[in-house]
Amino acid sequence: MATDRQPHSFPSFASVEDERLHRKQRLAAGFRLFGAFGFDEGIAGHITARDPELSDHFWVNPFGMSFRQIRVRDLILCNHKGEVVEGSWPVNAAAFAIHSQVHQARPDAAAAAHSHSVHGKAYSAFARPLDALTQDSCAFFEDHGVFEEYTGVVLDTEEGKKIAHALGGYKAAILRNHGLLTVGGSVDEAVWWFITMERTCQAQLLAMAASGPEAPIVHIDDDVARLTRSQVGSPIAGWLSFQPLYDWIVAAQPDLLEA
């Protein structure tokens, strides 16, 4: 069937206001996708987008609002002190403790995503990196860290600094006994890395459960995994992979764009 739909191209902006709205639209869509995929767990989880003008401020979900209901107009703006400077809802203290330090340590990261998704938190109990078992997993080959401590809910920025250190220059980190954290140069990228990392954890858990003497796991060779990472793990690949999901969630839940 023919279509007049134009292919996606990486966006450019005429003004900082346009870029801010774009990030907020992507952020609201990210929350709706997290809700649709079952990544919500009560009040846990957060995605942040650095403000394009106020680089030490970030947009985040209102504390206590369901991912499945968040609209552009519901997003709150938090400053470097953890104060809400735009919006009427409070900020999640853990969101500030983690994301403020990640954004500070990673000026290249426009966005960061974290939630207590089922397979991510299950795999985090191993406190070990993911293996190169599938093409999709290669996006994270030699490009994710492991935070090997767990001391309870992260409410202290010093703990956030430790998480940021474990993340380093990678696109993602596994937080032991906690879950996953991903970052990206765009909201699109950070959200996609989280979605595919969660699925990668699921795939590895299934492979581990099914493996045995008669069915050993076959790993991808390191050199092939590095090549594949360059093909599926680049910033543009992450950004592009998010676009079909964005189109779908906006078509299914157009109210998320209400500003």
C-alpha atoms as a PDB file:
ATOM      1  CA  MET A   1       0.000   0.000   0.000  1.00  0.00           C
ATOM      2  CA  ALA A   2       1.448   3.365  -1.007  1.00  0.00           C
ATOM      3  CA  THR A   3       2.032   6.055   1.611  1.00  0.00           C
ATOM      4  CA  ASP A   4       3.014   9.707   1.521  1.00  0.00           C
ATOM      5  CA  ARG A   5       4.697   9.455   4.907  1.00  0.00           C
ATOM      6  CA  GLN A   6       8.201  10.921   4.864  1.00  0.00           C
ATOM      7  CA  PRO A   7      11.145   9.022   6.345  1.00  0.00           C
ATOM      8  CA  HIS A   8      12.536  10.181   9.653  1.00  0.00           C
ATOM      9  CA  SER A   9      15.478  12.554   9.729  1.00  0.00           C
ATOM     10  CA  PHE A  10      17.391  13.817  12.737  1.00  0.00           C
ATOM     11  CA  PRO A  11      15.755  17.062  13.940  1.00  0.00           C
ATOM     12  CA  SER A  12      17.105  20.590  13.874  1.00  0.00           C
ATOM     13  CA  PHE A  13      15.534  23.494  15.734  1.00  0.00           C
ATOM     14  CA  ALA A  14      14.902  27.158  14.946  1.00  0.00           C
ATOM     15  CA  SER A  15      14.832  28.136  18.625  1.00  0.00           C
ATOM     16  CA  VAL A  16      15.559  26.829  22.090  1.00  0.00           C
ATOM     17  CA  GLU A  17      11.816  26.857  22.754  1.00  0.00           C
ATOM     18  CA  ASP A  18      11.269  24.457  19.866  1.00  0.00           C
ATOM     19  CA  GLU A  19      14.006  22.164  21.127  1.00  0.00           C
ATOM     20  CA  ARG A  20      12.599  22.231  24.657  1.00  0.00           C
ATOM     21  CA  LEU A  21       9.123  21.267  23.427  1.00  0.00           C
ATOM     22  CA  HIS A  22      10.590  18.492  21.311  1.00  0.00           C
ATOM     23  CA  ARG A  23      12.464  17.023  24.298  1.00  0.00           C
ATOM     24  CA  LYS A  24       9.375  17.247  26.479  1.00  0.00           C
ATOM     25  CA  GLN A  25       7.228  15.529  23.856  1.00  0.00           C
ATOM     26  CA  ARG A  26       9.756  12.715  23.559  1.00  0.00           C
ATOM     27  CA  LEU A  27       9.973  12.494  27.348  1.00  0.00           C
ATOM     28  CA  ALA A  28       6.214  12.210  27.794  1.00  0.00           C
ATOM     29  CA  ALA A  29       6.136   9.564  25.061  1.00  0.00           C
ATOM     30  CA  GLY A  30       8.945   7.706  26.825  1.00  0.00           C
ATOM     31  CA  PHE A  31       6.906   7.490  30.006  1.00  0.00           C
ATOM     32  CA  ARG A  32       3.849   6.256  28.127  1.00  0.00           C
ATOM     33  CA  LEU A  33       5.984   3.573  26.466  1.00  0.00           C
ATOM     34  CA  PHE A  34       7.431   2.536  29.825  1.00  0.00           C
ATOM     35  CA  GLY A  35       3.869   2.231  31.103  1.00  0.00           C
ATOM     36  CA  ALA A  36       2.740   0.283  28.037  1.00  0.00           C
ATOM     37  CA  PHE A  37       5.647  -2.150  28.390  1.00  0.00           C
ATOM     38  CA  GLY A  38       5.069  -2.667  32.114  1.00  0.00           C
ATOM     39  CA  PHE A  39       8.230  -0.921  33.295  1.00  0.00           C
ATOM     40  CA  ASP A  40       6.342   0.956  36.016  1.00  0.00           C
ATOM     41  CA  GLU A  41       6.549  -0.273  39.618  1.00  0.00           C
ATOM     42  CA  GLY A  42       4.459   1.933  41.889  1.00  0.00           C
ATOM     43  CA  ILE A  43       6.307   5.215  42.418  1.00  0.00           C
ATOM     44  CA  ALA A  44       9.690   3.841  41.290  1.00  0.00           C
ATOM     45  CA  GLY A  45      11.455   4.881  38.109  1.00  0.00           C
ATOM     46  CA  HIS A  46      12.273   8.071  36.271  1.00  0.00           C
ATOM     47  CA  ILE A  47      13.410   9.461  32.948  1.00  0.00           C
ATOM     48  CA  THR A  48      15.048  12.868  32.751  1.00  0.00           C
ATOM     49  CA  ALA A  49      15.780  15.269  29.911  1.00  0.00           C
ATOM     50  CA  ARG A  50      18.327  18.040  30.301  1.00  0.00           C
ATOM     51  CA  ASP A  51      16.864  21.458  29.517  1.00  0.00           C
ATOM     52  CA  PRO A  52      18.472  22.740  26.279  1.00  0.00           C
ATOM     53  CA  GLU A  53      18.949  26.244  27.709  1.00  0.00           C
ATOM     54  CA  LEU A  54      19.460  25.701  31.446  1.00  0.00           C
ATOM     55  CA  SER A  55      22.039  22.931  31.293  1.00  0.00           C
ATOM     56  CA  ASP A  56      21.992  22.280  35.061  1.00  0.00           C
ATOM     57  CA  HIS A  57      18.194  21.811  35.050  1.00  0.00           C
ATOM     58  CA  PHE A  58      16.298  18.736  33.918  1.00  0.00           C
ATOM     59  CA  TRP A  59      12.706  17.773  33.146  1.00  0.00           C
ATOM     60  CA  VAL A  60      11.363  14.734  34.974  1.00  0.00           C
ATOM     61  CA  ASN A  61       8.139  12.950  35.865  1.00  0.00           C
ATOM     62  CA  PRO A  62       6.010  14.243  38.747  1.00  0.00           C
ATOM     63  CA  PHE A  63       6.497  12.091  41.835  1.00  0.00           C
ATOM     64  CA  GLY A  64       3.527   9.761  42.274  1.00  0.00           C
ATOM     65  CA  MET A  65       1.952  10.217  38.829  1.00  0.00           C
ATOM     66  CA  SER A  66       1.462   7.080  36.748  1.00  0.00           C
ATOM     67  CA  PHE A  67       3.732   6.756  33.718  1.00  0.00           C
ATOM     68  CA  ARG A  68       0.577   5.815  31.814  1.00  0.00           C
ATOM     69  CA  GLN A  69      -1.007   9.242  32.358  1.00  0.00           C
ATOM     70  CA  ILE A  70       1.886  11.677  31.974  1.00  0.00           C
ATOM     71  CA  ARG A  71       1.402  14.482  29.441  1.00  0.00           C
ATOM     72  CA  VAL A  72       3.827  17.154  28.281  1.00  0.00           C
ATOM     73  CA  ARG A  73       2.159  19.668  30.564  1.00  0.00           C
ATOM     74  CA  ASP A  74       2.621  17.424  33.611  1.00  0.00           C
ATOM     75  CA  LEU A  75       6.428  17.329  33.411  1.00  0.00           C
ATOM     76  CA  ILE A  76       8.308  19.240  36.089  1.00  0.00           C
ATOM     77  CA  LEU A  77      11.573  21.171  35.851  1.00  0.00           C
ATOM     78  CA  CYS A  78      14.131  20.578  38.589  1.00  0.00           C
ATOM     79  CA  ASN A  79      17.243  22.677  39.256  1.00  0.00           C
ATOM     80  CA  HIS A  80      20.682  21.605  40.475  1.00  0.00           C
ATOM     81  CA  LYS A  81      19.543  21.937  44.101  1.00  0.00           C
ATOM     82  CA  GLY A  82      16.639  19.536  43.673  1.00  0.00           C
ATOM     83  CA  GLU A  83      14.079  22.347  43.723  1.00  0.00           C
ATOM     84  CA  VAL A  84      11.047  22.253  41.448  1.00  0.00           C
ATOM     85  CA  VAL A  85      11.136  25.495  39.479  1.00  0.00           C
ATOM     86  CA  GLU A  86       8.322  24.682  37.070  1.00  0.00           C
ATOM     87  CA  GLY A  87       5.341  22.481  37.861  1.00  0.00           C
ATOM     88  CA  SER A  88       3.182  21.853  40.899  1.00  0.00           C
ATOM     89  CA  TRP A  89       4.131  18.276  41.822  1.00  0.00           C
ATOM     90  CA  PRO A  90       7.128  17.210  43.940  1.00  0.00           C
ATOM     91  CA  VAL A  91      10.215  15.540  42.511  1.00  0.00           C
ATOM     92  CA  ASN A  92      11.218  11.979  43.378  1.00  0.00           C
ATOM     93  CA  ALA A  93      14.187  12.295  45.762  1.00  0.00           C
ATOM     94  CA  ALA A  94      15.852   9.241  44.223  1.00  0.00           C
ATOM     95  CA  ALA A  95      15.429  10.743  40.756  1.00  0.00           C
ATOM     96  CA  PHE A  96      17.329  13.834  41.858  1.00  0.00           C
ATOM     97  CA  ALA A  97      20.011  11.894  43.743  1.00  0.00           C
ATOM     98  CA  ILE A  98      20.792   9.712  40.722  1.00  0.00           C
ATOM     99  CA  HIS A  99      20.039  11.862  37.701  1.00  0.00           C
ATOM    100  CA  SER A 100      21.564  15.102  38.958  1.00  0.00           C
ATOM    101  CA  GLN A 101      24.901  13.346  39.343  1.00  0.00           C
ATOM    102  CA  VAL A 102      24.629  11.492  36.026  1.00  0.00           C
ATOM    103  CA  HIS A 103      23.839  14.705  34.152  1.00  0.00           C
ATOM    104  CA  GLN A 104      26.666  16.509  35.938  1.00  0.00           C
ATOM    105  CA  ALA A 105      29.173  13.781  35.126  1.00  0.00           C
ATOM    106  CA  ARG A 106      27.973  13.328  31.565  1.00  0.00           C
ATOM    107  CA  PRO A 107      27.465  16.678  29.793  1.00  0.00           C
ATOM    108  CA  ASP A 108      27.016  14.714  26.559  1.00  0.00           C
ATOM    109  CA  ALA A 109      23.921  12.986  27.947  1.00  0.00           C
ATOM    110  CA  ALA A 110      20.724  14.832  27.104  1.00  0.00           C
ATOM    111  CA  ALA A 111      18.655  12.183  28.852  1.00  0.00           C
ATOM    112  CA  ALA A 112      18.824   9.328  31.334  1.00  0.00           C
ATOM    113  CA  ALA A 113      16.357   6.528  32.048  1.00  0.00           C
ATOM    114  CA  HIS A 114      15.919   4.184  35.001  1.00  0.00           C
ATOM    115  CA  SER A 115      13.121   1.942  36.198  1.00  0.00           C
ATOM    116  CA  HIS A 116      12.554  -1.274  38.103  1.00  0.00           C
ATOM    117  CA  SER A 117      11.667  -3.353  35.043  1.00  0.00           C
ATOM    118  CA  VAL A 118      11.224  -7.061  35.783  1.00  0.00           C
ATOM    119  CA  HIS A 119      14.023  -8.603  33.737  1.00  0.00           C
ATOM    120  CA  GLY A 120      16.466  -5.773  34.373  1.00  0.00           C
ATOM    121  CA  LYS A 121      16.161  -6.083  38.129  1.00  0.00           C
ATOM    122  CA  ALA A 122      16.240  -9.890  37.944  1.00  0.00           C
ATOM    123  CA  TYR A 123      19.457  -9.848  35.920  1.00  0.00           C
ATOM    124  CA  SER A 124      20.958  -7.171  38.168  1.00  0.00           C
ATOM    125  CA  ALA A 125      21.091  -9.719  40.984  1.00  0.00           C
ATOM    126  CA  PHE A 126      24.042 -11.371  39.185  1.00  0.00           C
ATOM    127  CA  ALA A 127      26.070  -8.123  39.348  1.00  0.00           C
ATOM    128  CA  ARG A 128      27.747  -8.998  36.053  1.00  0.00           C
ATOM    129  CA  PRO A 129      27.836  -7.538  32.548  1.00  0.00           C
ATOM    130  CA  LEU A 130      25.589  -8.843  29.810  1.00  0.00           C
ATOM    131  CA  ASP A 131      27.068 -11.374  27.398  1.00  0.00           C
ATOM    132  CA  ALA A 132      27.167 -11.024  23.618  1.00  0.00           C
ATOM    133  CA  LEU A 133      24.514 -13.661  22.925  1.00  0.00           C
ATOM    134  CA  THR A 134      22.365 -11.948  20.300  1.00  0.00           C
ATOM    135  CA  GLN A 135      22.671  -9.242  17.686  1.00  0.00           C
ATOM    136  CA  ASP A 136      20.708  -6.848  19.886  1.00  0.00           C
ATOM    137  CA  SER A 137      22.898  -7.517  22.922  1.00  0.00           C
ATOM    138  CA  CYS A 138      25.931  -6.383  20.932  1.00  0.00           C
ATOM    139  CA  ALA A 139      24.725  -2.783  21.275  1.00  0.00           C
ATOM    140  CA  PHE A 140      25.996  -3.055  24.861  1.00  0.00           C
ATOM    141  CA  PHE A 141      29.192  -5.032  24.207  1.00  0.00           C
ATOM    142  CA  GLU A 142      32.001  -3.278  26.097  1.00  0.00           C
ATOM    143  CA  ASP A 143      29.601  -0.337  26.477  1.00  0.00           C
ATOM    144  CA  HIS A 144      27.957  -0.798  29.864  1.00  0.00           C
ATOM    145  CA  GLY A 145      29.153  -0.766  33.440  1.00  0.00           C
ATOM    146  CA  VAL A 146      28.130  -2.513  36.638  1.00  0.00           C
ATOM    147  CA  PHE A 147      27.485  -0.709  39.916  1.00  0.00           C
ATOM    148  CA  GLU A 148      28.440  -3.373  42.436  1.00  0.00           C
ATOM    149  CA  GLU A 149      26.993  -1.886  45.621  1.00  0.00           C
ATOM    150  CA  TYR A 150      23.510  -1.887  47.076  1.00  0.00           C
ATOM    151  CA  THR A 151      22.762   0.106  50.220  1.00  0.00           C
ATOM    152  CA  GLY A 152      19.022   0.715  49.906  1.00  0.00           C
ATOM    153  CA  VAL A 153      16.991   3.397  48.167  1.00  0.00           C
ATOM    154  CA  VAL A 154      19.283   6.013  46.624  1.00  0.00           C
ATOM    155  CA  LEU A 155      18.496   9.267  48.447  1.00  0.00           C
ATOM    156  CA  ASP A 156      22.003  10.702  48.812  1.00  0.00           C
ATOM    157  CA  THR A 157      23.809  12.484  45.966  1.00  0.00           C
ATOM    158  CA  GLU A 158      27.042  10.807  47.120  1.00  0.00           C
ATOM    159  CA  GLU A 159      25.487   7.497  46.150  1.00  0.00           C
ATOM    160  CA  GLY A 160      24.410   9.101  42.888  1.00  0.00           C
ATOM    161  CA  LYS A 161      28.031  10.050  42.257  1.00  0.00           C
ATOM    162  CA  LYS A 162      29.075   6.421  42.721  1.00  0.00           C
ATOM    163  CA  ILE A 163      26.465   5.334  40.186  1.00  0.00           C
ATOM    164  CA  ALA A 164      27.662   7.995  37.744  1.00  0.00           C
ATOM    165  CA  HIS A 165      31.223   6.731  38.240  1.00  0.00           C
ATOM    166  CA  ALA A 166      30.153   3.155  37.468  1.00  0.00           C
ATOM    167  CA  LEU A 167      28.372   4.409  34.358  1.00  0.00           C
ATOM    168  CA  GLY A 168      31.528   6.193  33.235  1.00  0.00           C
ATOM    169  CA  GLY A 169      31.442   6.963  29.519  1.00  0.00           C
ATOM    170  CA  TYR A 170      29.149   4.040  28.701  1.00  0.00           C
ATOM    171  CA  LYS A 171      25.587   4.131  27.392  1.00  0.00           C
ATOM    172  CA  ALA A 172      24.265   2.025  30.273  1.00  0.00           C
ATOM    173  CA  ALA A 173      24.888   0.505  33.680  1.00  0.00           C
ATOM    174  CA  ILE A 174      23.501  -2.436  35.606  1.00  0.00           C
ATOM    175  CA  LEU A 175      22.764  -1.425  39.200  1.00  0.00           C
ATOM    176  CA  ARG A 176      23.181  -4.469  41.446  1.00  0.00           C
ATOM    177  CA  ASN A 177      19.920  -5.663  43.062  1.00  0.00           C
ATOM    178  CA  HIS A 178      18.226  -2.585  41.617  1.00  0.00           C
ATOM    179  CA  GLY A 179      17.814  -2.423  37.845  1.00  0.00           C
ATOM    180  CA  LEU A 180      19.068  -0.686  34.725  1.00  0.00           C
ATOM    181  CA  LEU A 181      20.219   2.836  33.874  1.00  0.00           C
ATOM    182  CA  THR A 182      20.706   4.150  30.341  1.00  0.00           C
ATOM    183  CA  VAL A 183      21.750   7.494  28.862  1.00  0.00           C
ATOM    184  CA  GLY A 184      21.781   9.061  25.434  1.00  0.00           C
ATOM    185  CA  GLY A 185      22.464  12.194  23.463  1.00  0.00           C
ATOM    186  CA  SER A 186      18.714  12.454  22.933  1.00  0.00           C
ATOM    187  CA  VAL A 187      15.647  11.353  24.864  1.00  0.00           C
ATOM    188  CA  ASP A 188      14.872   8.997  21.991  1.00  0.00           C
ATOM    189  CA  GLU A 189      18.220   7.260  22.348  1.00  0.00           C
ATOM    190  CA  ALA A 190      18.164   6.921  26.146  1.00  0.00           C
ATOM    191  CA  VAL A 191      14.645   5.461  26.125  1.00  0.00           C
ATOM    192  CA  TRP A 192      15.429   3.023  23.305  1.00  0.00           C
ATOM    193  CA  TRP A 193      18.594   1.782  25.016  1.00  0.00           C
ATOM    194  CA  PHE A 194      16.543   1.054  28.124  1.00  0.00           C
ATOM    195  CA  ILE A 195      13.842  -0.809  26.188  1.00  0.00           C
ATOM    196  CA  THR A 196      16.290  -2.983  24.276  1.00  0.00           C
ATOM    197  CA  MET A 197      18.518  -3.544  27.335  1.00  0.00           C
ATOM    198  CA  GLU A 198      15.514  -4.800  29.295  1.00  0.00           C
ATOM    199  CA  ARG A 199      14.744  -7.211  26.463  1.00  0.00           C
ATOM    200  CA  THR A 200      18.389  -8.242  26.286  1.00  0.00           C
ATOM    201  CA  CYS A 201      18.275  -9.111  29.984  1.00  0.00           C
ATOM    202  CA  GLN A 202      15.151 -11.168  29.318  1.00  0.00           C
ATOM    203  CA  ALA A 203      16.811 -13.002  26.429  1.00  0.00           C
ATOM    204  CA  GLN A 204      19.916 -13.804  28.481  1.00  0.00           C
ATOM    205  CA  LEU A 205      17.867 -15.029  31.434  1.00  0.00           C
ATOM    206  CA  LEU A 206      15.913 -17.328  29.098  1.00  0.00           C
ATOM    207  CA  ALA A 207      19.125 -18.620  27.519  1.00  0.00           C
ATOM    208  CA  MET A 208      20.707 -19.221  30.920  1.00  0.00           C
ATOM    209  CA  ALA A 209      17.614 -21.079  32.126  1.00  0.00           C
ATOM    210  CA  ALA A 210      17.470 -23.284  29.033  1.00  0.00           C
ATOM    211  CA  SER A 211      21.193 -24.028  28.757  1.00  0.00           C
ATOM    212  CA  GLY A 212      22.857 -27.197  29.954  1.00  0.00           C
ATOM    213  CA  PRO A 213      25.343 -29.918  28.965  1.00  0.00           C
ATOM    214  CA  GLU A 214      23.281 -30.800  25.891  1.00  0.00           C
ATOM    215  CA  ALA A 215      22.481 -27.195  25.054  1.00  0.00           C
ATOM    216  CA  PRO A 216      25.501 -24.972  25.755  1.00  0.00           C
ATOM    217  CA  ILE A 217      25.244 -21.232  25.173  1.00  0.00           C
ATOM    218  CA  VAL A 218      27.155 -20.042  22.100  1.00  0.00           C
ATOM    219  CA  HIS A 219      28.658 -16.559  22.487  1.00  0.00           C
ATOM    220  CA  ILE A 220      29.371 -14.131  19.676  1.00  0.00           C
ATOM    221  CA  ASP A 221      33.100 -13.676  19.066  1.00  0.00           C
ATOM    222  CA  ASP A 222      34.509 -10.429  20.467  1.00  0.00           C
ATOM    223  CA  ASP A 223      35.574  -9.009  17.111  1.00  0.00           C
ATOM    224  CA  VAL A 224      32.167  -9.728  15.589  1.00  0.00           C
ATOM    225  CA  ALA A 225      30.440  -8.265  18.658  1.00  0.00           C
ATOM    226  CA  ARG A 226      32.445  -5.035  18.277  1.00  0.00           C
ATOM    227  CA  LEU A 227      31.550  -4.822  14.603  1.00  0.00           C
ATOM    228  CA  THR A 228      27.893  -5.423  15.383  1.00  0.00           C
ATOM    229  CA  ARG A 229      27.978  -2.767  18.106  1.00  0.00           C
ATOM    230  CA  SER A 230      29.116  -0.248  15.501  1.00  0.00           C
ATOM    231  CA  GLN A 231      26.089  -1.217  13.425  1.00  0.00           C
ATOM    232  CA  VAL A 232      23.326  -1.399  16.041  1.00  0.00           C
ATOM    233  CA  GLY A 233      24.780   0.484  19.015  1.00  0.00           C
ATOM    234  CA  SER A 234      25.553   3.923  17.576  1.00  0.00           C
ATOM    235  CA  PRO A 235      23.693   7.063  18.705  1.00  0.00           C
ATOM    236  CA  ILE A 236      21.884   7.372  15.371  1.00  0.00           C
ATOM    237  CA  ALA A 237      20.876   3.685  15.500  1.00  0.00           C
ATOM    238  CA  GLY A 238      19.429   4.215  18.981  1.00  0.00           C
ATOM    239  CA  TRP A 239      17.625   7.376  17.898  1.00  0.00           C
ATOM    240  CA  LEU A 240      16.196   5.778  14.766  1.00  0.00           C
ATOM    241  CA  SER A 241      15.003   2.660  16.599  1.00  0.00           C
ATOM    242  CA  PHE A 242      12.847   4.841  18.859  1.00  0.00           C
ATOM    243  CA  GLN A 243      10.940   6.520  16.027  1.00  0.00           C
ATOM    244  CA  PRO A 244       8.446   3.714  15.217  1.00  0.00           C
ATOM    245  CA  LEU A 245       7.616   3.441  18.911  1.00  0.00           C
ATOM    246  CA  TYR A 246       7.089   7.209  19.144  1.00  0.00           C
ATOM    247  CA  ASP A 247       4.766   7.162  16.135  1.00  0.00           C
ATOM    248  CA  TRP A 248       2.818   4.264  17.587  1.00  0.00           C
ATOM    249  CA  ILE A 249       2.340   5.663  21.101  1.00  0.00           C
ATOM    250  CA  VAL A 250       1.356   9.127  19.839  1.00  0.00           C
ATOM    251  CA  ALA A 251      -1.219   7.592  17.485  1.00  0.00           C
ATOM    252  CA  ALA A 252      -2.562   5.365  20.262  1.00  0.00           C
ATOM    253  CA  GLN A 253      -2.444   7.997  23.053  1.00  0.00           C
ATOM    254  CA  PRO A 254      -2.438  11.477  21.437  1.00  0.00           C
ATOM    255  CA  ASP A 255      -3.329  13.173  24.733  1.00  0.00           C
ATOM    256  CA  LEU A 256       0.304  12.728  25.846  1.00  0.00           C
ATOM    257  CA  LEU A 257       1.207  15.751  23.654  1.00  0.00           C
ATOM    258  CA  GLU A 258      -1.061  18.127  25.585  1.00  0.00           C
ATOM    259  CA  ALA A 259       1.159  21.028  26.613  1.00  0.00           C
END
